Amino acid sequence: MTKKQTSEFGKGFIYNLILFSKHWWRASVDMESYEKTFKDKYSKGEARSKAIDVWFNGASDHFYELEIPKQWKRKKIGKLARWLQDKSLYWGHGFKEKATEKDFEEVFEKLEELARLIDKELGVKDIKADWS
């Protein structure tokens, strides 16, 4: 009998991108909560930044075992995936430079760009969402 493999944060490419993105909703909730909780200790921006730090700490764990497919490693898909992985882990795990709301937004813009590149590579013609 084969021993079942396990991974605390998942292992894969698309799967781990999805796991990471599932944390998205939490950031805005946490930013608002930190603003209220720490209003006497930090400015609004500082409180929101601390929430983003905590958010990156939890969400970026899914990038530990991100597996970029060999055929995409040298293409824009692989380079963008590696950028997302590196930046998110950097901000999420105690380095001196702290992420800002702008950084948080950039990560999700890049994640959307990555999804569109994957569609293109797979021959799927996507249409950018324009929800108002």
Protein backbone atom coordinates (compact mmCIF):
# COMPACT_ATOMS: atom_id res chain seq x y z
CA MET A 1 0.00 0.00 0.00
CA THR A 2 1.33 3.43 -0.97
CA LYS A 3 1.62 6.04 1.73
CA LYS A 4 -0.67 9.01 1.05
CA GLN A 5 1.26 12.22 0.43
CA THR A 6 0.22 15.25 2.40
CA SER A 7 0.99 18.94 2.26
CA GLU A 8 -0.06 21.51 4.81
CA PHE A 9 -0.46 24.28 2.22
CA GLY A 10 -1.11 22.31 -0.95
CA LYS A 11 1.17 21.41 -3.81
CA GLY A 12 0.61 22.26 -7.45
CA PHE A 13 0.44 25.18 -9.83
CA ILE A 14 -3.13 26.25 -10.59
CA TYR A 15 -4.31 24.62 -7.37
CA ASN A 16 -1.90 26.66 -5.23
CA LEU A 17 -2.72 29.87 -7.10
CA ILE A 18 -6.38 29.23 -6.25
CA LEU A 19 -5.58 28.49 -2.60
CA PHE A 20 -3.62 31.76 -2.41
CA SER A 21 -6.45 33.73 -4.04
CA LYS A 22 -9.02 32.32 -1.61
CA HIS A 23 -7.44 34.55 1.04
CA TRP A 24 -8.24 37.73 -0.91
CA TRP A 25 -11.55 38.55 0.79
CA ARG A 26 -9.89 38.39 4.18
CA ALA A 27 -7.57 41.35 3.54
CA SER A 28 -10.27 44.01 3.38
CA VAL A 29 -12.01 42.59 6.46
CA ASP A 30 -8.72 42.56 8.38
CA MET A 31 -7.75 46.07 7.27
CA GLU A 32 -11.04 47.47 8.57
CA SER A 33 -10.73 45.47 11.79
CA TYR A 34 -7.16 46.64 12.43
CA GLU A 35 -8.20 50.25 11.81
CA LYS A 36 -10.86 50.00 14.52
CA THR A 37 -8.87 47.89 16.96
CA PHE A 38 -5.68 49.92 16.82
CA LYS A 39 -7.10 53.41 16.17
CA ASP A 40 -5.44 54.79 19.32
CA LYS A 41 -2.08 53.17 18.60
CA TYR A 42 -1.53 53.51 14.83
CA SER A 43 -2.53 55.79 12.00
CA LYS A 44 -5.10 54.40 9.56
CA GLY A 45 -2.34 53.60 7.05
CA GLU A 46 -0.13 51.90 9.64
CA ALA A 47 -3.00 49.76 10.91
CA ARG A 48 -3.94 48.71 7.38
CA SER A 49 -0.30 47.91 6.61
CA LYS A 50 -0.08 45.67 9.69
CA ALA A 51 -3.19 43.82 8.50
CA ILE A 52 -1.59 43.34 5.08
CA ASP A 53 1.54 41.93 6.74
CA VAL A 54 -0.56 39.36 8.59
CA TRP A 55 -2.51 38.61 5.41
CA PHE A 56 0.64 37.97 3.36
CA ASN A 57 1.94 35.76 6.16
CA GLY A 58 -1.06 33.43 5.87
CA ALA A 59 -1.79 33.60 2.15
CA SER A 60 1.80 33.25 0.94
CA ASP A 61 2.19 29.86 2.63
CA HIS A 62 0.50 28.39 -0.44
CA PHE A 63 3.52 29.45 -2.48
CA TYR A 64 5.96 27.20 -0.59
CA GLU A 65 5.09 24.27 -2.82
CA LEU A 66 4.05 26.15 -5.95
CA GLU A 67 5.18 24.04 -8.88
CA ILE A 68 5.64 26.02 -12.05
CA PRO A 69 5.28 23.64 -15.01
CA LYS A 70 8.60 23.00 -16.75
CA GLN A 71 7.28 24.15 -20.13
CA TRP A 72 6.38 27.56 -18.66
CA LYS A 73 9.38 28.26 -16.40
CA ARG A 74 11.25 30.34 -18.98
CA LYS A 75 8.14 31.94 -20.46
CA LYS A 76 6.34 35.00 -19.16
CA ILE A 77 3.94 32.69 -17.27
CA GLY A 78 6.78 31.16 -15.26
CA LYS A 79 8.51 34.47 -14.64
CA LEU A 80 5.29 36.08 -13.45
CA ALA A 81 4.45 33.10 -11.24
CA ARG A 82 7.95 33.24 -9.73
CA TRP A 83 7.55 37.00 -9.12
CA LEU A 84 4.25 36.38 -7.30
CA GLN A 85 5.81 33.60 -5.26
CA ASP A 86 8.96 35.54 -4.35
CA LYS A 87 7.23 38.83 -3.50
CA SER A 88 4.47 37.21 -1.47
CA LEU A 89 6.85 35.05 0.54
CA TYR A 90 9.17 38.03 1.04
CA TRP A 91 6.38 40.21 2.41
CA GLY A 92 4.74 37.41 4.35
CA HIS A 93 7.61 36.08 6.36
CA GLY A 94 9.26 38.71 8.46
CA PHE A 95 11.50 40.74 6.20
CA LYS A 96 12.07 44.37 7.06
CA GLU A 97 10.35 45.80 4.00
CA LYS A 98 6.63 45.80 4.67
CA ALA A 99 3.94 45.46 2.04
CA THR A 100 1.58 48.33 1.36
CA GLU A 101 -1.96 48.41 0.03
CA LYS A 102 -0.43 49.28 -3.34
CA ASP A 103 1.70 46.10 -3.15
CA PHE A 104 -1.38 44.06 -2.23
CA GLU A 105 -3.26 45.46 -5.24
CA GLU A 106 -0.27 44.86 -7.53
CA VAL A 107 -0.14 41.19 -6.49
CA PHE A 108 -3.75 40.70 -7.51
CA GLU A 109 -3.30 42.58 -10.78
CA LYS A 110 -0.35 40.27 -11.54
CA LEU A 111 -2.37 37.21 -10.50
CA GLU A 112 -5.12 38.24 -12.94
CA GLU A 113 -2.51 38.81 -15.66
CA LEU A 114 -1.09 35.35 -14.97
CA ALA A 115 -4.54 33.75 -15.31
CA ARG A 116 -5.05 35.48 -18.65
CA LEU A 117 -1.62 34.35 -19.89
CA ILE A 118 -2.42 30.76 -18.94
CA ASP A 119 -5.73 30.98 -20.84
CA LYS A 120 -3.90 32.33 -23.89
CA GLU A 121 -1.28 29.58 -23.69
CA LEU A 122 -4.07 26.99 -23.52
CA GLY A 123 -5.84 28.49 -26.53
CA VAL A 124 -8.71 30.03 -24.59
CA LYS A 125 -9.71 33.48 -25.79
CA ASP A 126 -10.68 35.36 -22.69
CA ILE A 127 -12.50 38.65 -22.42
CA LYS A 128 -11.47 41.00 -19.63
CA ALA A 129 -14.24 41.51 -17.08
CA ASP A 130 -15.78 44.97 -16.90
CA TRP A 131 -17.99 44.75 -13.84
CA SER A 132 -19.24 48.06 -12.50
